[in-house]
Amino acid sequence: MKRLKVISMVFLMALGLIAIKPLSSYAQDAWTDNSTAGNMKDEAKEEVAISGFCPVCVFSGVKSKGNDHFITEYKDKIYKFADMDKQKEFLEDPEKYTADLDAKFQQIK
């Protein structure tokens, strides 16, 4: 019985580690295939919105670069966030932050 508990705990811990792997790590893993690595990197660069700046910060009038550890894809664009709180704020109402985002970004640029 004790052995079963230990095995169960190890299994649950392993699942937890898989679940918290950053999105950027998955992208880097995908790029290890040399035949498609260049194409995937080029496409990813094109999809990143507002040059990788944090949309929540831009919405507030602050120019702050997004962090590769806090990434969300929304409507075929990738958004990077300064921190987890900014990412959560965006996810609560993405339309609020994406409406006229490019124009707001140009104003603070």
N, C-alpha and C. Protein backbone atom coordinates (compact mmCIF):
# COMPACT_ATOMS: atom_id res chain seq x y z
N MET A 1 0.83 -1.20 0.00
CA MET A 1 0.00 0.00 0.00
C MET A 1 0.87 1.26 0.00
N LYS A 2 1.91 1.24 0.84
CA LYS A 2 2.81 2.39 0.90
C LYS A 2 3.51 2.59 -0.44
N ARG A 3 3.89 1.49 -1.08
CA ARG A 3 4.58 1.56 -2.37
C ARG A 3 3.66 2.17 -3.44
N LEU A 4 2.38 1.83 -3.38
CA LEU A 4 1.40 2.37 -4.33
C LEU A 4 1.26 3.89 -4.15
N LYS A 5 1.28 4.35 -2.92
CA LYS A 5 1.20 5.80 -2.67
C LYS A 5 2.40 6.53 -3.24
N VAL A 6 3.57 5.94 -3.07
CA VAL A 6 4.80 6.55 -3.57
C VAL A 6 4.76 6.62 -5.10
N ILE A 7 4.35 5.54 -5.72
CA ILE A 7 4.26 5.50 -7.19
C ILE A 7 3.24 6.53 -7.67
N SER A 8 2.11 6.61 -6.99
CA SER A 8 1.08 7.59 -7.36
C SER A 8 1.59 9.01 -7.24
N MET A 9 2.31 9.30 -6.18
CA MET A 9 2.83 10.66 -5.97
C MET A 9 3.86 11.00 -7.04
N VAL A 10 4.73 10.06 -7.39
CA VAL A 10 5.74 10.30 -8.42
C VAL A 10 5.05 10.56 -9.75
N PHE A 11 4.02 9.80 -10.05
CA PHE A 11 3.27 9.98 -11.30
C PHE A 11 2.61 11.36 -11.34
N LEU A 12 1.97 11.74 -10.27
CA LEU A 12 1.32 13.05 -10.22
C LEU A 12 2.34 14.19 -10.32
N MET A 13 3.48 14.03 -9.69
CA MET A 13 4.52 15.05 -9.79
C MET A 13 5.02 15.16 -11.23
N ALA A 14 5.17 14.03 -11.89
CA ALA A 14 5.63 14.05 -13.29
C ALA A 14 4.62 14.76 -14.17
N LEU A 15 3.35 14.53 -13.95
CA LEU A 15 2.31 15.22 -14.71
C LEU A 15 2.36 16.72 -14.45
N GLY A 16 2.60 17.09 -13.23
CA GLY A 16 2.69 18.51 -12.89
C GLY A 16 3.86 19.18 -13.60
N LEU A 17 4.97 18.51 -13.70
CA LEU A 17 6.13 19.08 -14.38
C LEU A 17 5.86 19.26 -15.87
N ILE A 18 5.15 18.34 -16.46
CA ILE A 18 4.81 18.46 -17.87
C ILE A 18 3.87 19.64 -18.08
N ALA A 19 2.93 19.82 -17.18
CA ALA A 19 1.92 20.86 -17.34
C ALA A 19 2.49 22.27 -17.21
N ILE A 20 3.59 22.44 -16.48
CA ILE A 20 4.11 23.79 -16.27
C ILE A 20 5.28 24.13 -17.20
N LYS A 21 5.55 23.28 -18.16
CA LYS A 21 6.63 23.57 -19.10
C LYS A 21 6.26 24.82 -19.90
N PRO A 22 7.12 25.83 -19.95
CA PRO A 22 6.79 27.07 -20.66
C PRO A 22 6.51 26.85 -22.14
N LEU A 23 5.61 27.66 -22.69
CA LEU A 23 5.26 27.58 -24.10
C LEU A 23 6.48 27.75 -24.99
N SER A 24 7.40 28.61 -24.59
CA SER A 24 8.58 28.84 -25.41
C SER A 24 9.43 27.58 -25.54
N SER A 25 9.40 26.71 -24.52
CA SER A 25 10.16 25.46 -24.60
C SER A 25 9.58 24.55 -25.66
N TYR A 26 8.25 24.51 -25.78
CA TYR A 26 7.64 23.70 -26.81
C TYR A 26 8.03 24.21 -28.19
N ALA A 27 8.07 25.51 -28.35
CA ALA A 27 8.44 26.09 -29.64
C ALA A 27 9.89 25.74 -29.97
N GLN A 28 10.77 25.82 -28.98
CA GLN A 28 12.17 25.49 -29.22
C GLN A 28 12.32 24.01 -29.57
N ASP A 29 11.54 23.14 -28.91
CA ASP A 29 11.58 21.71 -29.22
C ASP A 29 11.16 21.48 -30.66
N ALA A 30 10.15 22.18 -31.12
CA ALA A 30 9.66 22.01 -32.49
C ALA A 30 10.71 22.45 -33.50
N TRP A 31 11.56 23.38 -33.14
CA TRP A 31 12.56 23.91 -34.07
C TRP A 31 13.80 23.04 -34.17
N THR A 32 13.84 21.94 -33.44
CA THR A 32 15.03 21.09 -33.48
C THR A 32 15.10 20.27 -34.76
N ASP A 33 13.99 20.13 -35.47
CA ASP A 33 13.99 19.44 -36.75
C ASP A 33 14.61 20.37 -37.78
N ASN A 34 15.80 20.05 -38.25
CA ASN A 34 16.55 20.94 -39.14
C ASN A 34 15.86 21.20 -40.47
N SER A 35 15.02 20.30 -40.92
CA SER A 35 14.39 20.49 -42.23
C SER A 35 13.35 21.60 -42.22
N THR A 36 12.73 21.87 -41.08
CA THR A 36 11.70 22.90 -41.02
C THR A 36 12.05 24.03 -40.06
N ALA A 37 13.19 23.96 -39.45
CA ALA A 37 13.54 24.94 -38.42
C ALA A 37 13.49 26.37 -38.94
N GLY A 38 14.08 26.64 -40.07
CA GLY A 38 14.10 28.00 -40.60
C GLY A 38 12.72 28.51 -40.92
N ASN A 39 11.89 27.68 -41.53
CA ASN A 39 10.54 28.09 -41.88
C ASN A 39 9.71 28.41 -40.65
N MET A 40 9.79 27.58 -39.63
CA MET A 40 9.00 27.80 -38.42
C MET A 40 9.43 29.07 -37.71
N LYS A 41 10.72 29.33 -37.66
CA LYS A 41 11.20 30.54 -37.00
C LYS A 41 10.73 31.78 -37.74
N ASP A 42 10.79 31.75 -39.07
CA ASP A 42 10.35 32.90 -39.85
C ASP A 42 8.86 33.16 -39.66
N GLU A 43 8.05 32.10 -39.66
CA GLU A 43 6.61 32.26 -39.47
C GLU A 43 6.31 32.80 -38.09
N ALA A 44 7.01 32.30 -37.07
CA ALA A 44 6.76 32.75 -35.70
C ALA A 44 7.08 34.23 -35.57
N LYS A 45 8.16 34.68 -36.21
CA LYS A 45 8.53 36.09 -36.14
C LYS A 45 7.44 36.96 -36.76
N GLU A 46 6.83 36.50 -37.82
CA GLU A 46 5.81 37.27 -38.51
C GLU A 46 4.52 37.36 -37.70
N GLU A 47 4.24 36.37 -36.88
CA GLU A 47 2.99 36.31 -36.14
C GLU A 47 3.02 37.10 -34.83
N VAL A 48 4.18 37.49 -34.34
CA VAL A 48 4.25 38.18 -33.06
C VAL A 48 3.71 39.60 -33.23
N ALA A 49 2.71 39.91 -32.43
CA ALA A 49 2.06 41.22 -32.53
C ALA A 49 2.90 42.32 -31.90
N ILE A 50 2.76 43.51 -32.38
CA ILE A 50 3.39 44.76 -31.92
C ILE A 50 4.86 44.58 -31.51
N SER A 51 5.58 43.90 -32.36
CA SER A 51 7.03 43.70 -32.21
C SER A 51 7.42 43.08 -30.87
N GLY A 52 6.53 42.30 -30.28
CA GLY A 52 6.84 41.60 -29.04
C GLY A 52 6.66 42.42 -27.78
N PHE A 53 6.06 43.61 -27.90
CA PHE A 53 5.81 44.42 -26.72
C PHE A 53 4.53 43.95 -26.03
N CYS A 54 4.41 44.19 -24.75
CA CYS A 54 3.27 43.76 -23.95
C CYS A 54 2.03 44.59 -24.30
N PRO A 55 0.95 43.98 -24.78
CA PRO A 55 -0.24 44.74 -25.16
C PRO A 55 -0.93 45.44 -23.99
N VAL A 56 -0.86 44.88 -22.81
CA VAL A 56 -1.47 45.51 -21.64
C VAL A 56 -0.71 46.78 -21.28
N CYS A 57 0.61 46.73 -21.37
CA CYS A 57 1.42 47.92 -21.11
C CYS A 57 1.18 48.99 -22.18
N VAL A 58 1.13 48.56 -23.44
CA VAL A 58 0.89 49.49 -24.54
C VAL A 58 -0.47 50.15 -24.36
N PHE A 59 -1.47 49.38 -23.97
CA PHE A 59 -2.81 49.91 -23.72
C PHE A 59 -2.77 51.00 -22.64
N SER A 60 -1.88 50.82 -21.66
CA SER A 60 -1.73 51.79 -20.57
C SER A 60 -0.81 52.96 -20.93
N GLY A 61 -0.23 52.92 -22.14
CA GLY A 61 0.65 53.99 -22.58
C GLY A 61 2.11 53.79 -22.22
N VAL A 62 2.47 52.58 -21.84
CA VAL A 62 3.84 52.26 -21.45
C VAL A 62 4.44 51.30 -22.48
N LYS A 63 5.65 51.58 -22.90
CA LYS A 63 6.35 50.72 -23.86
C LYS A 63 7.22 49.74 -23.08
N SER A 64 6.75 48.49 -22.95
CA SER A 64 7.46 47.47 -22.19
C SER A 64 7.54 46.19 -23.02
N LYS A 65 8.75 45.69 -23.18
CA LYS A 65 8.96 44.47 -23.98
C LYS A 65 8.34 43.27 -23.29
N GLY A 66 7.71 42.39 -24.06
CA GLY A 66 7.14 41.17 -23.51
C GLY A 66 8.20 40.13 -23.22
N ASN A 67 7.87 39.20 -22.34
CA ASN A 67 8.77 38.15 -21.90
C ASN A 67 8.39 36.86 -22.63
N ASP A 68 9.39 36.10 -23.10
CA ASP A 68 9.14 34.86 -23.83
C ASP A 68 8.44 33.79 -22.98
N HIS A 69 8.42 33.95 -21.67
CA HIS A 69 7.78 32.97 -20.79
C HIS A 69 6.28 33.22 -20.64
N PHE A 70 5.79 34.37 -21.07
CA PHE A 70 4.38 34.71 -20.93
C PHE A 70 3.81 35.03 -22.31
N ILE A 71 3.37 33.98 -23.00
CA ILE A 71 2.93 34.10 -24.38
C ILE A 71 1.50 33.56 -24.50
N THR A 72 0.71 34.26 -25.30
CA THR A 72 -0.65 33.82 -25.59
C THR A 72 -0.92 34.02 -27.08
N GLU A 73 -1.56 33.06 -27.70
CA GLU A 73 -1.98 33.21 -29.09
C GLU A 73 -3.45 33.60 -29.09
N TYR A 74 -3.78 34.65 -29.81
CA TYR A 74 -5.15 35.13 -29.91
C TYR A 74 -5.40 35.63 -31.33
N LYS A 75 -6.39 35.07 -31.97
CA LYS A 75 -6.75 35.43 -33.34
C LYS A 75 -5.54 35.41 -34.28
N ASP A 76 -4.83 34.29 -34.28
CA ASP A 76 -3.69 34.05 -35.17
C ASP A 76 -2.51 34.99 -34.96
N LYS A 77 -2.45 35.64 -33.82
CA LYS A 77 -1.29 36.46 -33.48
C LYS A 77 -0.76 36.02 -32.13
N ILE A 78 0.53 36.18 -31.96
CA ILE A 78 1.16 35.83 -30.70
C ILE A 78 1.43 37.12 -29.92
N TYR A 79 1.01 37.12 -28.67
CA TYR A 79 1.21 38.27 -27.79
C TYR A 79 2.14 37.85 -26.66
N LYS A 80 3.11 38.72 -26.37
CA LYS A 80 4.04 38.49 -25.26
C LYS A 80 3.70 39.49 -24.16
N PHE A 81 3.88 39.07 -22.92
CA PHE A 81 3.51 39.91 -21.78
C PHE A 81 4.69 40.13 -20.85
N ALA A 82 4.68 41.26 -20.19
CA ALA A 82 5.76 41.63 -19.28
C ALA A 82 5.83 40.68 -18.09
N ASP A 83 4.68 40.21 -17.62
CA ASP A 83 4.65 39.29 -16.48
C ASP A 83 3.33 38.52 -16.49
N MET A 84 3.17 37.60 -15.54
CA MET A 84 2.00 36.76 -15.50
C MET A 84 0.72 37.56 -15.21
N ASP A 85 0.82 38.58 -14.38
CA ASP A 85 -0.36 39.39 -14.07
C ASP A 85 -0.90 40.09 -15.32
N LYS A 86 -0.01 40.59 -16.16
CA LYS A 86 -0.42 41.25 -17.40
C LYS A 86 -1.09 40.24 -18.33
N GLN A 87 -0.54 39.03 -18.38
CA GLN A 87 -1.11 37.99 -19.23
C GLN A 87 -2.52 37.63 -18.75
N LYS A 88 -2.69 37.47 -17.45
CA LYS A 88 -4.02 37.15 -16.89
C LYS A 88 -5.01 38.27 -17.18
N GLU A 89 -4.56 39.50 -17.03
CA GLU A 89 -5.42 40.66 -17.31
C GLU A 89 -5.88 40.64 -18.77
N PHE A 90 -4.96 40.35 -19.68
CA PHE A 90 -5.29 40.27 -21.11
C PHE A 90 -6.32 39.17 -21.36
N LEU A 91 -6.12 38.01 -20.76
CA LEU A 91 -6.99 36.87 -20.99
C LEU A 91 -8.41 37.10 -20.48
N GLU A 92 -8.57 37.97 -19.51
CA GLU A 92 -9.91 38.28 -19.01
C GLU A 92 -10.75 39.01 -20.05
N ASP A 93 -10.12 39.84 -20.88
CA ASP A 93 -10.85 40.59 -21.91
C ASP A 93 -9.90 40.96 -23.06
N PRO A 94 -9.54 39.99 -23.90
CA PRO A 94 -8.56 40.25 -24.97
C PRO A 94 -9.01 41.32 -25.96
N GLU A 95 -10.29 41.40 -26.24
CA GLU A 95 -10.78 42.41 -27.19
C GLU A 95 -10.48 43.83 -26.71
N LYS A 96 -10.54 44.03 -25.42
CA LYS A 96 -10.24 45.35 -24.85
C LYS A 96 -8.82 45.79 -25.23
N TYR A 97 -7.90 44.85 -25.22
CA TYR A 97 -6.49 45.18 -25.47
C TYR A 97 -6.09 45.11 -26.94
N THR A 98 -6.83 44.36 -27.75
CA THR A 98 -6.44 44.22 -29.15
C THR A 98 -7.10 45.24 -30.07
N ALA A 99 -8.20 45.83 -29.64
CA ALA A 99 -8.87 46.84 -30.46
C ALA A 99 -7.95 48.06 -30.60
N ASP A 100 -7.63 48.43 -31.81
CA ASP A 100 -6.77 49.59 -32.10
C ASP A 100 -5.38 49.49 -31.46
N LEU A 101 -4.92 48.27 -31.22
CA LEU A 101 -3.62 48.08 -30.57
C LEU A 101 -2.47 48.61 -31.41
N ASP A 102 -2.52 48.37 -32.71
CA ASP A 102 -1.44 48.85 -33.58
C ASP A 102 -1.35 50.38 -33.55
N ALA A 103 -2.48 51.05 -33.55
CA ALA A 103 -2.49 52.52 -33.50
C ALA A 103 -1.93 53.02 -32.16
N LYS A 104 -2.30 52.36 -31.08
CA LYS A 104 -1.80 52.75 -29.75
C LYS A 104 -0.28 52.52 -29.67
N PHE A 105 0.16 51.42 -30.28
CA PHE A 105 1.59 51.12 -30.29
C PHE A 105 2.35 52.18 -31.06
N GLN A 106 1.82 52.62 -32.18
CA GLN A 106 2.48 53.66 -32.98
C GLN A 106 2.57 54.98 -32.23
N GLN A 107 1.58 55.27 -31.40
CA GLN A 107 1.58 56.51 -30.62
C GLN A 107 2.70 56.54 -29.59
N ILE A 108 2.99 55.43 -28.96
CA ILE A 108 4.03 55.40 -27.92
C ILE A 108 5.40 55.06 -28.49
N LYS A 109 5.44 54.64 -29.73
CA LYS A 109 6.69 54.25 -30.37
C LYS A 109 7.53 55.43 -30.61
